[in-house]
């Protein structure tokens, strides 16, 4: 899982570098795009990889509750700081 996430981040960074080199987007836009992509894909990764671990360790109901709580907290944190970063960079 960690290796796959690293490869995905690397691929995203390579694509962002290609777009910034061609002048299609700025570095600021590339960072915000990558953060937004992480925000949108993180819930799917949690369901795919972590949900089974939470359920196996905690049981069905507490596992689902814990997975939802951690994902909501993570998404809220990332959303708030992505918005703050976008506002600071204006």
PDB file of N, CA and C in Angstrom:
ATOM      1  N   UNK A   1       0.829  -1.191   0.000  1.00  0.00           N
ATOM      2  CA  UNK A   1       0.000   0.000   0.000  1.00  0.00           C
ATOM      3  C   UNK A   1       0.873   1.254   0.000  1.00  0.00           C
ATOM      4  N   UNK A   2       1.878   1.288   0.848  1.00  0.00           N
ATOM      5  CA  UNK A   2       2.743   2.469   0.925  1.00  0.00           C
ATOM      6  C   UNK A   2       3.489   2.663  -0.396  1.00  0.00           C
ATOM      7  N   UNK A   3       3.964   1.568  -0.957  1.00  0.00           N
ATOM      8  CA  UNK A   3       4.668   1.668  -2.238  1.00  0.00           C
ATOM      9  C   UNK A   3       3.771   2.195  -3.345  1.00  0.00           C
ATOM     10  N   UNK A   4       2.526   1.715  -3.385  1.00  0.00           N
ATOM     11  CA  UNK A   4       1.576   2.181  -4.403  1.00  0.00           C
ATOM     12  C   UNK A   4       1.269   3.660  -4.223  1.00  0.00           C
ATOM     13  N   UNK A   5       1.127   4.106  -2.977  1.00  0.00           N
ATOM     14  CA  UNK A   5       0.865   5.517  -2.727  1.00  0.00           C
ATOM     15  C   UNK A   5       2.054   6.372  -3.158  1.00  0.00           C
ATOM     16  N   UNK A   6       3.268   5.879  -2.890  1.00  0.00           N
ATOM     17  CA  UNK A   6       4.470   6.623  -3.302  1.00  0.00           C
ATOM     18  C   UNK A   6       4.554   6.737  -4.819  1.00  0.00           C
ATOM     19  N   UNK A   7       4.234   5.648  -5.516  1.00  0.00           N
ATOM     20  CA  UNK A   7       4.257   5.672  -6.983  1.00  0.00           C
ATOM     21  C   UNK A   7       3.208   6.641  -7.512  1.00  0.00           C
ATOM     22  N   UNK A   8       2.010   6.633  -6.917  1.00  0.00           N
ATOM     23  CA  UNK A   8       0.959   7.559  -7.359  1.00  0.00           C
ATOM     24  C   UNK A   8       1.365   9.006  -7.125  1.00  0.00           C
ATOM     25  N   UNK A   9       1.980   9.284  -5.979  1.00  0.00           N
ATOM     26  CA  UNK A   9       2.444  10.643  -5.704  1.00  0.00           C
ATOM     27  C   UNK A   9       3.532  11.038  -6.698  1.00  0.00           C
ATOM     28  N   UNK A  10       4.439  10.113  -6.977  1.00  0.00           N
ATOM     29  CA  UNK A  10       5.511  10.381  -7.941  1.00  0.00           C
ATOM     30  C   UNK A  10       4.930  10.666  -9.321  1.00  0.00           C
ATOM     31  N   UNK A  11       3.972   9.852  -9.755  1.00  0.00           N
ATOM     32  CA  UNK A  11       3.335  10.066 -11.063  1.00  0.00           C
ATOM     33  C   UNK A  11       2.625  11.410 -11.121  1.00  0.00           C
ATOM     34  N   UNK A  12       1.940  11.762 -10.044  1.00  0.00           N
ATOM     35  CA  UNK A  12       1.273  13.067  -9.986  1.00  0.00           C
ATOM     36  C   UNK A  12       2.268  14.210 -10.059  1.00  0.00           C
ATOM     37  N   UNK A  13       3.384  14.058  -9.356  1.00  0.00           N
ATOM     38  CA  UNK A  13       4.409  15.104  -9.374  1.00  0.00           C
ATOM     39  C   UNK A  13       5.042  15.231 -10.753  1.00  0.00           C
ATOM     40  N   UNK A  14       5.262  14.108 -11.433  1.00  0.00           N
ATOM     41  CA  UNK A  14       5.832  14.151 -12.785  1.00  0.00           C
ATOM     42  C   UNK A  14       4.871  14.858 -13.745  1.00  0.00           C
ATOM     43  N   UNK A  15       3.590  14.535 -13.654  1.00  0.00           N
ATOM     44  CA  UNK A  15       2.602  15.188 -14.529  1.00  0.00           C
ATOM     45  C   UNK A  15       2.519  16.682 -14.218  1.00  0.00           C
ATOM     46  N   UNK A  16       2.523  17.012 -12.933  1.00  0.00           N
ATOM     47  CA  UNK A  16       2.473  18.427 -12.559  1.00  0.00           C
ATOM     48  C   UNK A  16       3.702  19.160 -13.088  1.00  0.00           C
ATOM     49  N   UNK A  17       4.861  18.524 -13.003  1.00  0.00           N
ATOM     50  CA  UNK A  17       6.084  19.145 -13.527  1.00  0.00           C
ATOM     51  C   UNK A  17       5.990  19.357 -15.032  1.00  0.00           C
ATOM     52  N   UNK A  18       5.410  18.406 -15.740  1.00  0.00           N
ATOM     53  CA  UNK A  18       5.246  18.552 -17.189  1.00  0.00           C
ATOM     54  C   UNK A  18       4.364  19.746 -17.519  1.00  0.00           C
ATOM     55  N   UNK A  19       3.265  19.884 -16.784  1.00  0.00           N
ATOM     56  CA  UNK A  19       2.352  21.003 -17.040  1.00  0.00           C
ATOM     57  C   UNK A  19       2.973  22.341 -16.653  1.00  0.00           C
ATOM     58  N   UNK A  20       3.753  22.369 -15.567  1.00  0.00           N
ATOM     59  CA  UNK A  20       4.382  23.637 -15.184  1.00  0.00           C
ATOM     60  C   UNK A  20       5.502  24.006 -16.159  1.00  0.00           C
ATOM     61  N   UNK A  21       6.237  23.003 -16.641  1.00  0.00           N
ATOM     62  CA  UNK A  21       7.297  23.288 -17.621  1.00  0.00           C
ATOM     63  C   UNK A  21       6.743  23.841 -18.927  1.00  0.00           C
ATOM     64  N   UNK A  22       5.571  23.344 -19.321  1.00  0.00           N
ATOM     65  CA  UNK A  22       4.980  23.829 -20.569  1.00  0.00           C
ATOM     66  C   UNK A  22       4.278  25.173 -20.393  1.00  0.00           C
ATOM     67  N   UNK A  23       4.123  25.599 -19.145  1.00  0.00           N
ATOM     68  CA  UNK A  23       3.470  26.878 -18.888  1.00  0.00           C
ATOM     69  C   UNK A  23       1.956  26.790 -18.821  1.00  0.00           C
ATOM     70  N   UNK A  24       1.408  25.590 -18.846  1.00  0.00           N
ATOM     71  CA  UNK A  24      -0.052  25.426 -18.789  1.00  0.00           C
ATOM     72  C   UNK A  24      -0.601  25.810 -17.422  1.00  0.00           C
ATOM     73  N   UNK A  25       0.161  25.513 -16.356  1.00  0.00           N
ATOM     74  CA  UNK A  25      -0.245  25.876 -14.996  1.00  0.00           C
ATOM     75  C   UNK A  25       0.970  26.385 -14.240  1.00  0.00           C
ATOM     76  N   UNK A  26       0.714  27.117 -13.169  1.00  0.00           N
ATOM     77  CA  UNK A  26       1.797  27.601 -12.315  1.00  0.00           C
ATOM     78  C   UNK A  26       2.107  26.552 -11.248  1.00  0.00           C
ATOM     79  N   UNK A  27       3.204  26.758 -10.543  1.00  0.00           N
ATOM     80  CA  UNK A  27       3.568  25.835  -9.462  1.00  0.00           C
ATOM     81  C   UNK A  27       2.513  25.868  -8.366  1.00  0.00           C
ATOM     82  N   UNK A  28       1.999  27.029  -8.062  1.00  0.00           N
ATOM     83  CA  UNK A  28       0.941  27.145  -7.051  1.00  0.00           C
ATOM     84  C   UNK A  28      -0.290  26.340  -7.457  1.00  0.00           C
ATOM     85  N   UNK A  29      -0.681  26.466  -8.709  1.00  0.00           N
ATOM     86  CA  UNK A  29      -1.829  25.703  -9.188  1.00  0.00           C
ATOM     87  C   UNK A  29      -1.553  24.199  -9.118  1.00  0.00           C
ATOM     88  N   UNK A  30      -0.342  23.790  -9.437  1.00  0.00           N
ATOM     89  CA  UNK A  30       0.011  22.366  -9.390  1.00  0.00           C
ATOM     90  C   UNK A  30      -0.101  21.822  -7.968  1.00  0.00           C
ATOM     91  N   UNK A  31       0.391  22.584  -6.992  1.00  0.00           N
ATOM     92  CA  UNK A  31       0.306  22.144  -5.592  1.00  0.00           C
ATOM     93  C   UNK A  31      -1.148  22.033  -5.166  1.00  0.00           C
ATOM     94  N   UNK A  32      -1.960  23.029  -5.500  1.00  0.00           N
ATOM     95  CA  UNK A  32      -3.377  22.995  -5.126  1.00  0.00           C
ATOM     96  C   UNK A  32      -4.114  21.858  -5.828  1.00  0.00           C
ATOM     97  N   UNK A  33      -3.756  21.575  -7.061  1.00  0.00           N
ATOM     98  CA  UNK A  33      -4.371  20.461  -7.789  1.00  0.00           C
ATOM     99  C   UNK A  33      -4.015  19.135  -7.128  1.00  0.00           C
ATOM    100  N   UNK A  34      -2.749  18.971  -6.759  1.00  0.00           N
ATOM    101  CA  UNK A  34      -2.328  17.732  -6.102  1.00  0.00           C
ATOM    102  C   UNK A  34      -3.014  17.555  -4.746  1.00  0.00           C
ATOM    103  N   UNK A  35      -3.143  18.635  -3.993  1.00  0.00           N
ATOM    104  CA  UNK A  35      -3.838  18.553  -2.701  1.00  0.00           C
ATOM    105  C   UNK A  35      -5.317  18.225  -2.885  1.00  0.00           C
ATOM    106  N   UNK A  36      -5.942  18.828  -3.883  1.00  0.00           N
ATOM    107  CA  UNK A  36      -7.352  18.544  -4.164  1.00  0.00           C
ATOM    108  C   UNK A  36      -7.532  17.100  -4.611  1.00  0.00           C
ATOM    109  N   UNK A  37      -6.631  16.611  -5.415  1.00  0.00           N
ATOM    110  CA  UNK A  37      -6.692  15.214  -5.839  1.00  0.00           C
ATOM    111  C   UNK A  37      -6.575  14.261  -4.662  1.00  0.00           C
ATOM    112  N   UNK A  38      -5.689  14.582  -3.738  1.00  0.00           N
ATOM    113  CA  UNK A  38      -5.556  13.771  -2.524  1.00  0.00           C
ATOM    114  C   UNK A  38      -6.838  13.803  -1.715  1.00  0.00           C
ATOM    115  N   UNK A  39      -7.430  14.972  -1.613  1.00  0.00           N
ATOM    116  CA  UNK A  39      -8.684  15.117  -0.867  1.00  0.00           C
ATOM    117  C   UNK A  39      -9.803  14.289  -1.484  1.00  0.00           C
ATOM    118  N   UNK A  40      -9.844  14.228  -2.789  1.00  0.00           N
ATOM    119  CA  UNK A  40     -10.911  13.483  -3.470  1.00  0.00           C
ATOM    120  C   UNK A  40     -10.680  11.975  -3.470  1.00  0.00           C
ATOM    121  N   UNK A  41      -9.425  11.549  -3.511  1.00  0.00           N
ATOM    122  CA  UNK A  41      -9.153  10.112  -3.610  1.00  0.00           C
ATOM    123  C   UNK A  41      -8.927   9.431  -2.272  1.00  0.00           C
ATOM    124  N   UNK A  42      -8.650  10.173  -1.230  1.00  0.00           N
ATOM    125  CA  UNK A  42      -8.375   9.570   0.080  1.00  0.00           C
ATOM    126  C   UNK A  42      -9.524   8.716   0.609  1.00  0.00           C
ATOM    127  N   UNK A  43     -10.784   9.141   0.496  1.00  0.00           N
ATOM    128  CA  UNK A  43     -11.867   8.274   1.001  1.00  0.00           C
ATOM    129  C   UNK A  43     -11.920   6.922   0.288  1.00  0.00           C
ATOM    130  N   UNK A  44     -11.627   6.898  -0.985  1.00  0.00           N
ATOM    131  CA  UNK A  44     -11.654   5.641  -1.739  1.00  0.00           C
ATOM    132  C   UNK A  44     -10.524   4.732  -1.260  1.00  0.00           C
ATOM    133  N   UNK A  45      -9.348   5.301  -1.042  1.00  0.00           N
ATOM    134  CA  UNK A  45      -8.231   4.501  -0.532  1.00  0.00           C
ATOM    135  C   UNK A  45      -8.537   3.945   0.851  1.00  0.00           C
ATOM    136  N   UNK A  46      -9.187   4.744   1.687  1.00  0.00           N
ATOM    137  CA  UNK A  46      -9.536   4.269   3.023  1.00  0.00           C
ATOM    138  C   UNK A  46     -10.492   3.088   2.935  1.00  0.00           C
ATOM    139  N   UNK A  47     -11.505   3.210   2.102  1.00  0.00           N
ATOM    140  CA  UNK A  47     -12.440   2.101   1.945  1.00  0.00           C
ATOM    141  C   UNK A  47     -11.744   0.868   1.390  1.00  0.00           C
ATOM    142  N   UNK A  48     -10.842   1.069   0.464  1.00  0.00           N
ATOM    143  CA  UNK A  48     -10.197  -0.049  -0.209  1.00  0.00           C
ATOM    144  C   UNK A  48      -9.153  -0.738   0.667  1.00  0.00           C
ATOM    145  N   UNK A  49      -8.370   0.015   1.420  1.00  0.00           N
ATOM    146  CA  UNK A  49      -7.236  -0.557   2.133  1.00  0.00           C
ATOM    147  C   UNK A  49      -7.424  -0.639   3.645  1.00  0.00           C
ATOM    148  N   UNK A  50      -7.935   0.393   4.268  1.00  0.00           N
ATOM    149  CA  UNK A  50      -7.963   0.448   5.725  1.00  0.00           C
ATOM    150  C   UNK A  50      -9.240  -0.112   6.343  1.00  0.00           C
ATOM    151  N   UNK A  51     -10.332  -0.070   5.615  1.00  0.00           N
ATOM    152  CA  UNK A  51     -11.603  -0.489   6.197  1.00  0.00           C
ATOM    153  C   UNK A  51     -11.548  -1.927   6.697  1.00  0.00           C
ATOM    154  N   UNK A  52     -10.948  -2.812   5.935  1.00  0.00           N
ATOM    155  CA  UNK A  52     -10.876  -4.211   6.364  1.00  0.00           C
ATOM    156  C   UNK A  52     -10.053  -4.365   7.641  1.00  0.00           C
ATOM    157  N   UNK A  53      -9.005  -3.578   7.796  1.00  0.00           N
ATOM    158  CA  UNK A  53      -8.198  -3.637   9.014  1.00  0.00           C
ATOM    159  C   UNK A  53      -8.988  -3.150  10.212  1.00  0.00           C
ATOM    160  N   UNK A  54      -9.693  -2.023  10.048  1.00  0.00           N
ATOM    161  CA  UNK A  54     -10.511  -1.502  11.139  1.00  0.00           C
ATOM    162  C   UNK A  54     -11.573  -2.522  11.557  1.00  0.00           C
ATOM    163  N   UNK A  55     -12.224  -3.125  10.588  1.00  0.00           N
ATOM    164  CA  UNK A  55     -13.282  -4.090  10.893  1.00  0.00           C
ATOM    165  C   UNK A  55     -12.695  -5.347  11.539  1.00  0.00           C
ATOM    166  N   UNK A  56     -11.562  -5.821  11.047  1.00  0.00           N
ATOM    167  CA  UNK A  56     -10.944  -7.029  11.605  1.00  0.00           C
ATOM    168  C   UNK A  56     -10.505  -6.822  13.051  1.00  0.00           C
ATOM    169  N   UNK A  57      -9.989  -5.661  13.357  1.00  0.00           N
ATOM    170  CA  UNK A  57      -9.479  -5.398  14.703  1.00  0.00           C
ATOM    171  C   UNK A  57     -10.591  -5.010  15.668  1.00  0.00           C
ATOM    172  N   UNK A  58     -11.507  -4.160  15.220  1.00  0.00           N
ATOM    173  CA  UNK A  58     -12.500  -3.593  16.124  1.00  0.00           C
ATOM    174  C   UNK A  58     -13.892  -4.222  16.032  1.00  0.00           C
ATOM    175  N   UNK A  59     -14.150  -4.965  14.981  1.00  0.00           N
ATOM    176  CA  UNK A  59     -15.511  -5.448  14.745  1.00  0.00           C
ATOM    177  C   UNK A  59     -16.187  -4.539  13.731  1.00  0.00           C
ATOM    178  N   UNK A  60     -17.362  -4.978  13.241  1.00  0.00           N
ATOM    179  CA  UNK A  60     -17.979  -4.248  12.134  1.00  0.00           C
ATOM    180  C   UNK A  60     -18.379  -2.821  12.505  1.00  0.00           C
ATOM    181  N   UNK A  61     -19.261  -2.676  13.480  1.00  0.00           N
ATOM    182  CA  UNK A  61     -19.781  -1.334  13.791  1.00  0.00           C
ATOM    183  C   UNK A  61     -18.688  -0.370  14.275  1.00  0.00           C
ATOM    184  N   UNK A  62     -17.878  -0.750  15.274  1.00  0.00           N
ATOM    185  CA  UNK A  62     -16.810   0.176  15.687  1.00  0.00           C
ATOM    186  C   UNK A  62     -15.779   0.413  14.583  1.00  0.00           C
ATOM    187  N   UNK A  63     -15.516  -0.603  13.755  1.00  0.00           N
ATOM    188  CA  UNK A  63     -14.549  -0.437  12.670  1.00  0.00           C
ATOM    189  C   UNK A  63     -15.015   0.572  11.642  1.00  0.00           C
ATOM    190  N   UNK A  64     -16.283   0.469  11.255  1.00  0.00           N
ATOM    191  CA  UNK A  64     -16.845   1.426  10.297  1.00  0.00           C
ATOM    192  C   UNK A  64     -16.868   2.826  10.902  1.00  0.00           C
ATOM    193  N   UNK A  65     -17.235   2.906  12.180  1.00  0.00           N
ATOM    194  CA  UNK A  65     -17.263   4.206  12.861  1.00  0.00           C
ATOM    195  C   UNK A  65     -15.874   4.827  12.915  1.00  0.00           C
ATOM    196  N   UNK A  66     -14.888   4.022  13.259  1.00  0.00           N
ATOM    197  CA  UNK A  66     -13.516   4.525  13.342  1.00  0.00           C
ATOM    198  C   UNK A  66     -12.995   4.944  11.969  1.00  0.00           C
ATOM    199  N   UNK A  67     -13.258   4.147  10.949  1.00  0.00           N
ATOM    200  CA  UNK A  67     -12.812   4.497   9.598  1.00  0.00           C
ATOM    201  C   UNK A  67     -13.459   5.800   9.134  1.00  0.00           C
ATOM    202  N   UNK A  68     -14.754   5.935   9.397  1.00  0.00           N
ATOM    203  CA  UNK A  68     -15.458   7.168   9.002  1.00  0.00           C
ATOM    204  C   UNK A  68     -14.920   8.371   9.767  1.00  0.00           C
ATOM    205  N   UNK A  69     -14.704   8.204  11.070  1.00  0.00           N
ATOM    206  CA  UNK A  69     -14.214   9.318  11.887  1.00  0.00           C
ATOM    207  C   UNK A  69     -12.815   9.747  11.459  1.00  0.00           C
ATOM    208  N   UNK A  70     -11.937   8.782  11.225  1.00  0.00           N
ATOM    209  CA  UNK A  70     -10.582   9.153  10.812  1.00  0.00           C
ATOM    210  C   UNK A  70     -10.575   9.806   9.440  1.00  0.00           C
ATOM    211  N   UNK A  71     -11.427   9.311   8.543  1.00  0.00           N
ATOM    212  CA  UNK A  71     -11.466   9.884   7.201  1.00  0.00           C
ATOM    213  C   UNK A  71     -12.066  11.285   7.208  1.00  0.00           C
ATOM    214  N   UNK A  72     -13.117  11.488   7.991  1.00  0.00           N
ATOM    215  CA  UNK A  72     -13.717  12.823   8.088  1.00  0.00           C
ATOM    216  C   UNK A  72     -12.730  13.822   8.695  1.00  0.00           C
ATOM    217  N   UNK A  73     -12.031  13.391   9.731  1.00  0.00           N
ATOM    218  CA  UNK A  73     -11.036  14.271  10.362  1.00  0.00           C
ATOM    219  C   UNK A  73      -9.916  14.611   9.385  1.00  0.00           C
ATOM    220  N   UNK A  74      -9.416  13.604   8.705  1.00  0.00           N
ATOM    221  CA  UNK A  74      -8.339  13.824   7.731  1.00  0.00           C
ATOM    222  C   UNK A  74      -8.789  14.741   6.604  1.00  0.00           C
ATOM    223  N   UNK A  75      -9.974  14.485   6.069  1.00  0.00           N
ATOM    224  CA  UNK A  75     -10.487  15.304   4.964  1.00  0.00           C
ATOM    225  C   UNK A  75     -10.738  16.734   5.401  1.00  0.00           C
ATOM    226  N   UNK A  76     -11.294  16.920   6.596  1.00  0.00           N
ATOM    227  CA  UNK A  76     -11.558  18.276   7.091  1.00  0.00           C
ATOM    228  C   UNK A  76     -10.245  19.043   7.271  1.00  0.00           C
ATOM    229  N   UNK A  77      -9.257  18.391   7.861  1.00  0.00           N
ATOM    230  CA  UNK A  77      -7.952  19.017   8.057  1.00  0.00           C
ATOM    231  C   UNK A  77      -7.331  19.417   6.722  1.00  0.00           C
ATOM    232  N   UNK A  78      -7.332  18.493   5.774  1.00  0.00           N
ATOM    233  CA  UNK A  78      -6.752  18.771   4.457  1.00  0.00           C
ATOM    234  C   UNK A  78      -7.515  19.869   3.719  1.00  0.00           C
ATOM    235  N   UNK A  79      -8.830  19.853   3.813  1.00  0.00           N
ATOM    236  CA  UNK A  79      -9.647  20.876   3.153  1.00  0.00           C
ATOM    237  C   UNK A  79      -9.372  22.259   3.734  1.00  0.00           C
ATOM    238  N   UNK A  80      -9.349  22.358   5.048  1.00  0.00           N
ATOM    239  CA  UNK A  80      -9.113  23.656   5.689  1.00  0.00           C
ATOM    240  C   UNK A  80      -7.747  24.217   5.287  1.00  0.00           C
ATOM    241  N   UNK A  81      -6.729  23.379   5.334  1.00  0.00           N
ATOM    242  CA  UNK A  81      -5.397  23.889   5.026  1.00  0.00           C
ATOM    243  C   UNK A  81      -5.164  24.091   3.534  1.00  0.00           C
ATOM    244  N   UNK A  82      -5.869  23.371   2.691  1.00  0.00           N
ATOM    245  CA  UNK A  82      -5.788  23.646   1.255  1.00  0.00           C
ATOM    246  C   UNK A  82      -6.415  24.997   0.944  1.00  0.00           C
ATOM    247  N   UNK A  83      -7.545  25.272   1.558  1.00  0.00           N
ATOM    248  CA  UNK A  83      -8.206  26.574   1.368  1.00  0.00           C
ATOM    249  C   UNK A  83      -7.338  27.707   1.915  1.00  0.00           C
ATOM    250  N   UNK A  84      -6.758  27.506   3.106  1.00  0.00           N
ATOM    251  CA  UNK A  84      -5.881  28.529   3.665  1.00  0.00           C
ATOM    252  C   UNK A  84      -4.660  28.780   2.768  1.00  0.00           C
ATOM    253  N   UNK A  85      -4.093  27.715   2.250  1.00  0.00           N
ATOM    254  CA  UNK A  85      -2.955  27.856   1.348  1.00  0.00           C
ATOM    255  C   UNK A  85      -3.348  28.621   0.088  1.00  0.00           C
ATOM    256  N   UNK A  86      -4.509  28.300  -0.455  1.00  0.00           N
ATOM    257  CA  UNK A  86      -4.979  29.001  -1.654  1.00  0.00           C
ATOM    258  C   UNK A  86      -5.213  30.486  -1.372  1.00  0.00           C
ATOM    259  N   UNK A  87      -5.719  30.797  -0.190  1.00  0.00           N
ATOM    260  CA  UNK A  87      -5.960  32.203   0.160  1.00  0.00           C
ATOM    261  C   UNK A  87      -4.654  32.965   0.384  1.00  0.00           C
ATOM    262  N   UNK A  88      -3.690  32.313   0.986  1.00  0.00           N
ATOM    263  CA  UNK A  88      -2.397  32.956   1.250  1.00  0.00           C
ATOM    264  C   UNK A  88      -1.657  33.216  -0.056  1.00  0.00           C
ATOM    265  N   UNK A  89      -1.806  32.325  -1.028  1.00  0.00           N
ATOM    266  CA  UNK A  89      -1.090  32.439  -2.279  1.00  0.00           C
ATOM    267  C   UNK A  89      -1.721  33.407  -3.263  1.00  0.00           C
ATOM    268  N   UNK A  90      -2.824  34.041  -2.940  1.00  0.00           N
ATOM    269  CA  UNK A  90      -3.463  34.956  -3.890  1.00  0.00           C
ATOM    270  C   UNK A  90      -2.684  36.194  -4.101  1.00  0.00           C
TER     271      UNK A  90
END
